[in-house]
Amino acid sequence: MMKSLKPRALAATVAVQSLVLAPMPAAAHHGWSSFETTRAYYIQGTVTDVRWGNPHSEVTITVDQTELPDGFRERPWPQGANPSEGDATMASARPYEGEHQEIHLTLAGPGWMSRWGLDRPLETGETLEVLGYLGAEDAYDLRPVMFWLEDGQGVWQQLTAFPSQPEPAN
C-alpha cells in the first residue's frame, strides 16, 4: 500500500507546483504601475500612427486641443465602464499642459477593445478625445482610461486597479 501512495503523493506535489508556478494572466503584468494615476489629463488629437495588436495596441496622436469641452464631466459612460473608477477619473480630469505635440497612447489589445464595443482598428486621420494618465517616467506616454471617437462612441480601457487613487482637479 505504501508504494501506491508515493506515486499519488508525487502527482499531487507536481500538480500543486504547476499551479504555483503557472504563468500569471496577461492583465496582471499590464497594469497601471508605470503611469501616474493621481492626475488624469484630457487631450483631443488626430491619429498619426497605429499599431493594432497584442498585448497592447499603440496609437500616436497630435495634440490639437487640451481644454475640457463644455459638459465633459457629464458624458455617458463607455460600454463596460467601472463607475467608481470612472467617476474618480472624470473628477481628476484636467487639460494636458505638457510640452509634447505628439502623444503615444497605450491601449488595450484588440480582444478587449471588441468587448468594450470597438470592433475595428483605429485609423490614421481619425480624431480622438482621450482621458488618461501620463507615464511616470515619460510624459510622452499616456494610457487612456477612456476615449471617444468622432461619432461620440466612448471606449473604456481599464482592467486592473490603479496604484494610486485619482485626485480631484481644482
N, C-alpha and C. Protein backbone atom coordinates (compact mmCIF):
# COMPACT_ATOMS: atom_id res chain seq x y z
N MET A 1 0.82 -1.20 0.00
CA MET A 1 0.00 0.00 0.00
C MET A 1 0.86 1.26 0.00
N MET A 2 2.00 1.25 0.65
CA MET A 2 2.89 2.40 0.66
C MET A 2 3.36 2.76 -0.73
N LYS A 3 3.63 1.76 -1.55
CA LYS A 3 4.11 2.03 -2.91
C LYS A 3 3.05 2.76 -3.73
N SER A 4 1.77 2.46 -3.56
CA SER A 4 0.73 3.12 -4.33
C SER A 4 0.48 4.55 -3.86
N LEU A 5 0.79 4.87 -2.62
CA LEU A 5 0.62 6.24 -2.13
C LEU A 5 1.72 7.16 -2.65
N LYS A 6 2.92 6.66 -2.77
CA LYS A 6 4.02 7.51 -3.21
C LYS A 6 3.78 8.12 -4.59
N PRO A 7 3.37 7.33 -5.60
CA PRO A 7 3.10 7.96 -6.90
C PRO A 7 1.98 9.00 -6.82
N ARG A 8 0.96 8.73 -6.01
CA ARG A 8 -0.13 9.71 -5.86
C ARG A 8 0.38 10.98 -5.19
N ALA A 9 1.19 10.81 -4.15
CA ALA A 9 1.74 11.98 -3.46
C ALA A 9 2.62 12.78 -4.41
N LEU A 10 3.41 12.07 -5.21
CA LEU A 10 4.25 12.74 -6.19
C LEU A 10 3.40 13.50 -7.21
N ALA A 11 2.36 12.87 -7.68
CA ALA A 11 1.46 13.52 -8.65
C ALA A 11 0.81 14.75 -8.05
N ALA A 12 0.39 14.65 -6.79
CA ALA A 12 -0.23 15.79 -6.12
C ALA A 12 0.77 16.93 -5.96
N THR A 13 2.01 16.59 -5.60
CA THR A 13 3.04 17.61 -5.45
C THR A 13 3.31 18.31 -6.78
N VAL A 14 3.42 17.55 -7.85
CA VAL A 14 3.65 18.12 -9.18
C VAL A 14 2.48 19.01 -9.57
N ALA A 15 1.25 18.60 -9.29
CA ALA A 15 0.07 19.39 -9.64
C ALA A 15 0.06 20.72 -8.89
N VAL A 16 0.39 20.69 -7.59
CA VAL A 16 0.42 21.91 -6.79
C VAL A 16 1.54 22.83 -7.29
N GLN A 17 2.72 22.27 -7.57
CA GLN A 17 3.81 23.09 -8.09
C GLN A 17 3.44 23.71 -9.43
N SER A 18 2.73 22.99 -10.25
CA SER A 18 2.31 23.53 -11.55
C SER A 18 1.39 24.71 -11.37
N LEU A 19 0.50 24.63 -10.37
CA LEU A 19 -0.39 25.75 -10.11
C LEU A 19 0.37 26.96 -9.58
N VAL A 20 1.30 26.71 -8.68
CA VAL A 20 2.07 27.80 -8.09
C VAL A 20 2.97 28.47 -9.13
N LEU A 21 3.55 27.69 -10.01
CA LEU A 21 4.48 28.22 -10.99
C LEU A 21 3.83 28.61 -12.31
N ALA A 22 2.52 28.44 -12.41
CA ALA A 22 1.82 28.76 -13.66
C ALA A 22 1.98 30.24 -13.98
N PRO A 23 2.08 30.59 -15.25
CA PRO A 23 2.20 32.00 -15.61
C PRO A 23 0.97 32.79 -15.20
N MET A 24 1.20 34.04 -14.82
CA MET A 24 0.11 34.92 -14.44
C MET A 24 -0.65 35.34 -15.70
N PRO A 25 -1.93 35.66 -15.58
CA PRO A 25 -2.67 36.16 -16.74
C PRO A 25 -2.04 37.44 -17.27
N ALA A 26 -2.23 37.68 -18.55
CA ALA A 26 -1.62 38.84 -19.20
C ALA A 26 -1.98 40.14 -18.51
N ALA A 27 -3.21 40.26 -18.02
CA ALA A 27 -3.64 41.51 -17.39
C ALA A 27 -2.82 41.83 -16.14
N ALA A 28 -2.28 40.80 -15.49
CA ALA A 28 -1.56 41.03 -14.25
C ALA A 28 -0.29 41.84 -14.46
N HIS A 29 0.39 41.70 -15.59
CA HIS A 29 1.62 42.45 -15.77
C HIS A 29 1.44 43.64 -16.71
N HIS A 30 0.24 43.94 -17.07
CA HIS A 30 -0.02 45.10 -17.92
C HIS A 30 -0.92 46.08 -17.19
N GLY A 31 -0.55 46.40 -15.96
CA GLY A 31 -1.35 47.29 -15.14
C GLY A 31 -0.97 48.75 -15.32
N TRP A 32 -1.22 49.51 -14.29
CA TRP A 32 -1.06 50.95 -14.32
C TRP A 32 0.19 51.41 -13.58
N SER A 33 1.04 50.49 -13.13
CA SER A 33 2.17 50.85 -12.26
C SER A 33 3.17 51.80 -12.91
N SER A 34 3.28 51.83 -14.22
CA SER A 34 4.23 52.74 -14.86
C SER A 34 3.57 54.06 -15.28
N PHE A 35 2.36 54.30 -14.77
CA PHE A 35 1.64 55.54 -15.08
C PHE A 35 1.29 56.25 -13.77
N GLU A 36 1.31 57.57 -13.80
CA GLU A 36 0.99 58.39 -12.64
C GLU A 36 -0.53 58.59 -12.58
N THR A 37 -1.19 57.81 -11.72
CA THR A 37 -2.66 57.77 -11.72
C THR A 37 -3.32 58.76 -10.76
N THR A 38 -2.58 59.73 -10.25
CA THR A 38 -3.22 60.71 -9.37
C THR A 38 -3.86 61.86 -10.14
N ARG A 39 -3.43 62.08 -11.40
CA ARG A 39 -3.97 63.18 -12.20
C ARG A 39 -4.29 62.70 -13.62
N ALA A 40 -5.55 62.85 -14.00
CA ALA A 40 -5.97 62.48 -15.35
C ALA A 40 -5.88 63.70 -16.26
N TYR A 41 -5.48 63.45 -17.51
CA TYR A 41 -5.32 64.53 -18.48
C TYR A 41 -6.19 64.29 -19.71
N TYR A 42 -6.71 65.40 -20.23
CA TYR A 42 -7.56 65.39 -21.42
C TYR A 42 -6.75 65.89 -22.61
N ILE A 43 -6.88 65.17 -23.72
CA ILE A 43 -6.29 65.59 -24.99
C ILE A 43 -7.27 65.25 -26.10
N GLN A 44 -7.46 66.18 -27.02
CA GLN A 44 -8.13 65.87 -28.28
C GLN A 44 -7.05 65.94 -29.34
N GLY A 45 -7.01 64.92 -30.20
CA GLY A 45 -5.96 64.91 -31.20
C GLY A 45 -6.29 64.05 -32.40
N THR A 46 -5.43 64.14 -33.39
CA THR A 46 -5.58 63.41 -34.64
C THR A 46 -4.61 62.24 -34.66
N VAL A 47 -5.11 61.07 -35.01
CA VAL A 47 -4.30 59.86 -35.07
C VAL A 47 -3.31 59.98 -36.23
N THR A 48 -2.01 59.79 -35.91
CA THR A 48 -0.97 59.85 -36.94
C THR A 48 -0.30 58.50 -37.18
N ASP A 49 -0.43 57.57 -36.23
CA ASP A 49 0.20 56.26 -36.38
C ASP A 49 -0.57 55.24 -35.55
N VAL A 50 -0.71 54.02 -36.08
CA VAL A 50 -1.46 52.95 -35.39
C VAL A 50 -0.69 51.64 -35.49
N ARG A 51 -0.54 50.96 -34.36
CA ARG A 51 -0.09 49.56 -34.32
C ARG A 51 -1.17 48.82 -33.55
N TRP A 52 -1.97 48.04 -34.26
CA TRP A 52 -3.13 47.35 -33.68
C TRP A 52 -2.74 45.91 -33.42
N GLY A 53 -2.67 45.50 -32.15
CA GLY A 53 -2.29 44.13 -31.85
C GLY A 53 -2.11 43.90 -30.36
N ASN A 54 -1.55 42.75 -30.03
CA ASN A 54 -1.36 42.33 -28.65
C ASN A 54 0.10 42.47 -28.25
N PRO A 55 0.42 42.64 -26.98
CA PRO A 55 -0.51 42.65 -25.87
C PRO A 55 -1.28 43.96 -25.75
N HIS A 56 -0.76 45.03 -26.35
CA HIS A 56 -1.44 46.33 -26.35
C HIS A 56 -1.43 46.88 -27.75
N SER A 57 -2.48 47.62 -28.09
CA SER A 57 -2.43 48.42 -29.30
C SER A 57 -1.77 49.73 -28.93
N GLU A 58 -1.13 50.36 -29.91
CA GLU A 58 -0.44 51.63 -29.68
C GLU A 58 -0.84 52.61 -30.76
N VAL A 59 -1.09 53.84 -30.35
CA VAL A 59 -1.53 54.89 -31.26
C VAL A 59 -0.75 56.15 -30.92
N THR A 60 -0.38 56.91 -31.93
CA THR A 60 0.22 58.22 -31.72
C THR A 60 -0.79 59.25 -32.23
N ILE A 61 -0.99 60.30 -31.43
CA ILE A 61 -1.88 61.39 -31.85
C ILE A 61 -1.13 62.72 -31.74
N THR A 62 -1.49 63.65 -32.62
CA THR A 62 -1.01 65.02 -32.47
C THR A 62 -1.97 65.71 -31.52
N VAL A 63 -1.46 66.59 -30.72
CA VAL A 63 -2.29 67.32 -29.75
C VAL A 63 -2.92 68.50 -30.48
N ASP A 64 -4.25 68.47 -30.61
CA ASP A 64 -4.98 69.56 -31.27
C ASP A 64 -5.65 70.49 -30.26
N GLN A 65 -6.11 69.92 -29.13
CA GLN A 65 -6.82 70.70 -28.12
C GLN A 65 -6.61 70.04 -26.77
N THR A 66 -6.55 70.87 -25.72
CA THR A 66 -6.38 70.32 -24.37
C THR A 66 -7.44 70.78 -23.38
N GLU A 67 -8.19 71.81 -23.71
CA GLU A 67 -9.23 72.30 -22.80
C GLU A 67 -10.41 71.34 -22.78
N LEU A 68 -10.92 71.06 -21.59
CA LEU A 68 -12.08 70.17 -21.47
C LEU A 68 -13.30 70.84 -22.11
N PRO A 69 -14.01 70.13 -22.99
CA PRO A 69 -15.20 70.71 -23.63
C PRO A 69 -16.32 70.93 -22.59
N ASP A 70 -17.22 71.85 -22.91
CA ASP A 70 -18.39 72.07 -22.05
C ASP A 70 -19.14 70.76 -21.87
N GLY A 71 -19.57 70.48 -20.65
CA GLY A 71 -20.35 69.28 -20.36
C GLY A 71 -19.54 67.99 -20.34
N PHE A 72 -18.23 68.10 -20.40
CA PHE A 72 -17.38 66.91 -20.48
C PHE A 72 -17.64 65.93 -19.33
N ARG A 73 -17.70 66.42 -18.11
CA ARG A 73 -17.85 65.54 -16.94
C ARG A 73 -19.21 64.85 -16.86
N GLU A 74 -20.15 65.29 -17.66
CA GLU A 74 -21.49 64.70 -17.65
C GLU A 74 -21.70 63.67 -18.77
N ARG A 75 -20.68 63.36 -19.50
CA ARG A 75 -20.81 62.40 -20.61
C ARG A 75 -21.25 61.04 -20.08
N PRO A 76 -22.00 60.30 -20.92
CA PRO A 76 -22.37 58.93 -20.52
C PRO A 76 -21.14 58.02 -20.50
N TRP A 77 -21.20 57.02 -19.64
CA TRP A 77 -20.09 56.07 -19.52
C TRP A 77 -19.94 55.23 -20.77
N PRO A 78 -18.70 54.94 -21.16
CA PRO A 78 -18.49 53.98 -22.25
C PRO A 78 -18.94 52.58 -21.80
N GLN A 79 -19.22 51.73 -22.77
CA GLN A 79 -19.61 50.35 -22.51
C GLN A 79 -18.55 49.66 -21.64
N GLY A 80 -19.00 48.93 -20.60
CA GLY A 80 -18.10 48.17 -19.74
C GLY A 80 -17.39 49.00 -18.68
N ALA A 81 -17.76 50.26 -18.53
CA ALA A 81 -17.09 51.14 -17.58
C ALA A 81 -17.33 50.73 -16.14
N ASN A 82 -16.34 51.00 -15.31
CA ASN A 82 -16.44 50.84 -13.87
C ASN A 82 -16.81 52.22 -13.33
N PRO A 83 -18.05 52.40 -12.88
CA PRO A 83 -18.48 53.75 -12.48
C PRO A 83 -17.64 54.40 -11.38
N SER A 84 -17.17 53.65 -10.38
CA SER A 84 -16.40 54.30 -9.31
C SER A 84 -15.05 54.78 -9.84
N GLU A 85 -14.37 53.96 -10.63
CA GLU A 85 -13.09 54.39 -11.21
C GLU A 85 -13.31 55.48 -12.25
N GLY A 86 -14.40 55.37 -13.00
CA GLY A 86 -14.73 56.40 -13.98
C GLY A 86 -15.04 57.73 -13.33
N ASP A 87 -15.83 57.71 -12.25
CA ASP A 87 -16.13 58.94 -11.52
C ASP A 87 -14.86 59.60 -11.02
N ALA A 88 -13.96 58.80 -10.43
CA ALA A 88 -12.71 59.35 -9.90
C ALA A 88 -11.86 59.94 -11.02
N THR A 89 -11.81 59.26 -12.15
CA THR A 89 -11.01 59.76 -13.28
C THR A 89 -11.61 61.04 -13.83
N MET A 90 -12.93 61.08 -14.00
CA MET A 90 -13.59 62.31 -14.51
C MET A 90 -13.38 63.47 -13.56
N ALA A 91 -13.48 63.22 -12.25
CA ALA A 91 -13.27 64.30 -11.28
C ALA A 91 -11.84 64.81 -11.30
N SER A 92 -10.91 63.95 -11.70
CA SER A 92 -9.50 64.30 -11.76
C SER A 92 -9.11 64.97 -13.08
N ALA A 93 -10.00 64.97 -14.06
CA ALA A 93 -9.68 65.46 -15.41
C ALA A 93 -9.22 66.91 -15.39
N ARG A 94 -8.15 67.15 -16.12
CA ARG A 94 -7.59 68.49 -16.28
C ARG A 94 -6.98 68.58 -17.68
N PRO A 95 -6.79 69.77 -18.21
CA PRO A 95 -6.16 69.90 -19.52
C PRO A 95 -4.71 69.43 -19.49
N TYR A 96 -4.29 68.79 -20.55
CA TYR A 96 -2.88 68.41 -20.70
C TYR A 96 -2.07 69.69 -20.84
N GLU A 97 -1.03 69.83 -20.03
CA GLU A 97 -0.19 71.03 -20.05
C GLU A 97 1.25 70.71 -20.43
N GLY A 98 1.46 69.53 -20.96
CA GLY A 98 2.82 69.12 -21.31
C GLY A 98 3.33 69.80 -22.57
N GLU A 99 4.59 69.57 -22.84
CA GLU A 99 5.26 70.21 -23.97
C GLU A 99 5.19 69.42 -25.27
N HIS A 100 4.74 68.17 -25.18
CA HIS A 100 4.74 67.31 -26.37
C HIS A 100 3.59 67.65 -27.32
N GLN A 101 3.90 67.73 -28.59
CA GLN A 101 2.88 67.96 -29.62
C GLN A 101 2.34 66.65 -30.17
N GLU A 102 3.05 65.56 -29.89
CA GLU A 102 2.57 64.22 -30.21
C GLU A 102 2.60 63.41 -28.93
N ILE A 103 1.59 62.57 -28.77
CA ILE A 103 1.47 61.73 -27.58
C ILE A 103 1.28 60.29 -28.01
N HIS A 104 2.00 59.40 -27.34
CA HIS A 104 1.90 57.96 -27.58
C HIS A 104 0.85 57.39 -26.62
N LEU A 105 -0.17 56.73 -27.16
CA LEU A 105 -1.22 56.12 -26.35
C LEU A 105 -1.01 54.61 -26.26
N THR A 106 -1.09 54.08 -25.06
CA THR A 106 -1.08 52.64 -24.85
C THR A 106 -2.53 52.22 -24.63
N LEU A 107 -3.04 51.41 -25.55
CA LEU A 107 -4.44 50.97 -25.49
C LEU A 107 -4.51 49.49 -25.20
N ALA A 108 -5.70 49.01 -24.90
CA ALA A 108 -5.93 47.59 -24.70
C ALA A 108 -5.74 46.86 -26.03
N GLY A 109 -5.54 45.55 -25.95
CA GLY A 109 -5.44 44.74 -27.15
C GLY A 109 -6.77 44.62 -27.87
N PRO A 110 -6.77 44.15 -29.10
CA PRO A 110 -8.00 44.07 -29.90
C PRO A 110 -9.14 43.28 -29.26
N GLY A 111 -8.84 42.21 -28.54
CA GLY A 111 -9.90 41.42 -27.90
C GLY A 111 -10.67 42.24 -26.87
N TRP A 112 -9.96 42.97 -26.03
CA TRP A 112 -10.63 43.81 -25.04
C TRP A 112 -11.34 44.98 -25.72
N MET A 113 -10.72 45.54 -26.75
CA MET A 113 -11.38 46.64 -27.47
C MET A 113 -12.73 46.18 -28.00
N SER A 114 -12.77 44.98 -28.55
CA SER A 114 -14.01 44.43 -29.07
C SER A 114 -15.04 44.24 -27.96
N ARG A 115 -14.60 43.73 -26.81
CA ARG A 115 -15.52 43.57 -25.67
C ARG A 115 -16.10 44.90 -25.23
N TRP A 116 -15.31 45.96 -25.40
CA TRP A 116 -15.76 47.30 -25.00
C TRP A 116 -16.41 48.07 -26.14
N GLY A 117 -16.72 47.38 -27.25
CA GLY A 117 -17.52 47.99 -28.30
C GLY A 117 -16.78 48.52 -29.51
N LEU A 118 -15.45 48.41 -29.56
CA LEU A 118 -14.71 48.89 -30.72
C LEU A 118 -14.23 47.66 -31.50
N ASP A 119 -14.92 47.35 -32.58
CA ASP A 119 -14.66 46.14 -33.36
C ASP A 119 -13.76 46.36 -34.57
N ARG A 120 -12.97 47.41 -34.56
CA ARG A 120 -12.11 47.71 -35.70
C ARG A 120 -10.88 48.46 -35.21
N PRO A 121 -9.82 48.40 -35.99
CA PRO A 121 -8.64 49.20 -35.63
C PRO A 121 -8.92 50.69 -35.81
N LEU A 122 -8.28 51.50 -35.01
CA LEU A 122 -8.33 52.94 -35.25
C LEU A 122 -7.56 53.23 -36.53
N GLU A 123 -7.86 54.37 -37.14
CA GLU A 123 -7.24 54.70 -38.43
C GLU A 123 -6.55 56.05 -38.38
N THR A 124 -5.49 56.17 -39.14
CA THR A 124 -4.79 57.44 -39.30
C THR A 124 -5.79 58.48 -39.81
N GLY A 125 -5.74 59.67 -39.21
CA GLY A 125 -6.64 60.75 -39.60
C GLY A 125 -7.86 60.90 -38.71
N GLU A 126 -8.19 59.88 -37.93
CA GLU A 126 -9.33 59.98 -37.01
C GLU A 126 -9.01 60.97 -35.89
N THR A 127 -10.04 61.60 -35.37
CA THR A 127 -9.90 62.47 -34.20
C THR A 127 -10.40 61.71 -32.97
N LEU A 128 -9.61 61.76 -31.91
CA LEU A 128 -9.98 61.12 -30.65
C LEU A 128 -9.96 62.15 -29.54
N GLU A 129 -10.84 61.95 -28.56
CA GLU A 129 -10.77 62.66 -27.30
C GLU A 129 -10.35 61.62 -26.28
N VAL A 130 -9.31 61.92 -25.52
CA VAL A 130 -8.69 60.94 -24.64
C VAL A 130 -8.63 61.48 -23.22
N LEU A 131 -8.94 60.63 -22.25
CA LEU A 131 -8.76 60.96 -20.84
C LEU A 131 -7.97 59.83 -20.20
N GLY A 132 -6.78 60.17 -19.71
CA GLY A 132 -5.95 59.12 -19.14
C GLY A 132 -4.80 59.67 -18.33
N TYR A 133 -3.85 58.78 -18.07
CA TYR A 133 -2.75 59.07 -17.16
C TYR A 133 -1.41 59.03 -17.88
N LEU A 134 -0.56 60.00 -17.55
CA LEU A 134 0.76 60.10 -18.16
C LEU A 134 1.72 59.09 -17.56
N GLY A 135 2.71 58.71 -18.36
CA GLY A 135 3.75 57.82 -17.88
C GLY A 135 4.52 58.45 -16.73
N ALA A 136 4.87 57.64 -15.74
CA ALA A 136 5.61 58.13 -14.59
C ALA A 136 7.02 58.57 -15.00
N GLU A 137 7.58 57.94 -16.02
CA GLU A 137 8.94 58.25 -16.47
C GLU A 137 8.97 59.18 -17.68
N ASP A 138 7.89 59.21 -18.46
CA ASP A 138 7.91 59.97 -19.70
C ASP A 138 6.52 60.52 -19.99
N ALA A 139 6.40 61.84 -19.99
CA ALA A 139 5.11 62.49 -20.24
C ALA A 139 4.69 62.40 -21.70
N TYR A 140 5.47 61.73 -22.54
CA TYR A 140 5.10 61.46 -23.93
C TYR A 140 4.11 60.30 -24.00
N ASP A 141 4.10 59.44 -22.99
CA ASP A 141 3.21 58.27 -22.94
C ASP A 141 1.98 58.59 -22.12
N LEU A 142 0.82 58.22 -22.65
CA LEU A 142 -0.43 58.41 -21.95
C LEU A 142 -1.25 57.13 -22.10
N ARG A 143 -1.79 56.66 -21.00
CA ARG A 143 -2.63 55.48 -21.04
C ARG A 143 -4.06 55.91 -20.73
N PRO A 144 -4.93 55.86 -21.74
CA PRO A 144 -6.32 56.28 -21.53
C PRO A 144 -7.09 55.32 -20.62
N VAL A 145 -7.93 55.89 -19.79
CA VAL A 145 -8.94 55.11 -19.08
C VAL A 145 -10.15 54.99 -19.99
N MET A 146 -10.38 56.05 -20.75
CA MET A 146 -11.48 56.06 -21.72
C MET A 146 -11.12 57.03 -22.84
N PHE A 147 -11.70 56.76 -24.01
CA PHE A 147 -11.54 57.70 -25.11
C PHE A 147 -12.82 57.68 -25.93
N TRP A 148 -12.99 58.74 -26.74
CA TRP A 148 -14.19 58.90 -27.55
C TRP A 148 -13.81 59.09 -29.00
N LEU A 149 -14.57 58.43 -29.87
CA LEU A 149 -14.40 58.57 -31.31
C LEU A 149 -15.13 59.82 -31.77
N GLU A 150 -14.93 60.21 -33.03
CA GLU A 150 -15.58 61.40 -33.58
C GLU A 150 -17.10 61.33 -33.51
N ASP A 151 -17.67 60.10 -33.62
CA ASP A 151 -19.13 59.95 -33.58
C ASP A 151 -19.69 59.95 -32.16
N GLY A 152 -18.81 60.14 -31.15
CA GLY A 152 -19.24 60.20 -29.76
C GLY A 152 -19.17 58.87 -29.02
N GLN A 153 -18.90 57.77 -29.73
CA GLN A 153 -18.80 56.47 -29.06
C GLN A 153 -17.63 56.49 -28.08
N GLY A 154 -17.91 56.12 -26.83
CA GLY A 154 -16.87 56.01 -25.83
C GLY A 154 -16.32 54.60 -25.78
N VAL A 155 -15.04 54.47 -25.44
CA VAL A 155 -14.39 53.18 -25.32
C VAL A 155 -13.66 53.13 -23.99
N TRP A 156 -14.02 52.19 -23.15
CA TRP A 156 -13.41 52.01 -21.83
C TRP A 156 -12.07 51.32 -21.98
N GLN A 157 -11.13 51.51 -21.04
CA GLN A 157 -9.78 50.97 -21.16
C GLN A 157 -9.18 50.47 -19.86
N GLN A 158 -9.96 50.11 -18.87
CA GLN A 158 -9.37 49.73 -17.59
C GLN A 158 -9.73 48.31 -17.19
N LEU A 159 -8.73 47.48 -16.94
CA LEU A 159 -8.92 46.12 -16.45
C LEU A 159 -8.50 45.96 -15.00
N THR A 160 -7.44 46.64 -14.60
CA THR A 160 -6.86 46.46 -13.28
C THR A 160 -6.95 47.75 -12.47
N ALA A 161 -6.81 47.62 -11.15
CA ALA A 161 -6.92 48.76 -10.26
C ALA A 161 -5.75 49.72 -10.42
N PHE A 162 -5.99 50.98 -10.12
CA PHE A 162 -4.94 52.00 -10.14
C PHE A 162 -4.03 51.84 -8.91
N PRO A 163 -2.73 52.09 -9.05
CA PRO A 163 -1.85 52.00 -7.88
C PRO A 163 -2.10 53.15 -6.89
N SER A 164 -2.54 54.30 -7.39
CA SER A 164 -2.88 55.46 -6.56
C SER A 164 -4.21 56.00 -7.05
N GLN A 165 -5.06 56.38 -6.11
CA GLN A 165 -6.36 56.91 -6.50
C GLN A 165 -6.23 58.30 -7.11
N PRO A 166 -7.03 58.60 -8.14
CA PRO A 166 -7.00 59.93 -8.76
C PRO A 166 -7.43 61.01 -7.76
N GLU A 167 -6.77 62.16 -7.85
CA GLU A 167 -7.11 63.30 -7.02
C GLU A 167 -8.00 64.25 -7.81
N PRO A 168 -9.06 64.76 -7.19
CA PRO A 168 -9.94 65.71 -7.91
C PRO A 168 -9.16 66.94 -8.40
N ALA A 169 -9.52 67.42 -9.59
CA ALA A 169 -8.92 68.65 -10.12
C ALA A 169 -9.49 69.84 -9.36
N ASN A 170 -8.76 70.90 -9.27
CA ASN A 170 -9.25 72.11 -8.57
C ASN A 170 -10.17 72.91 -9.43
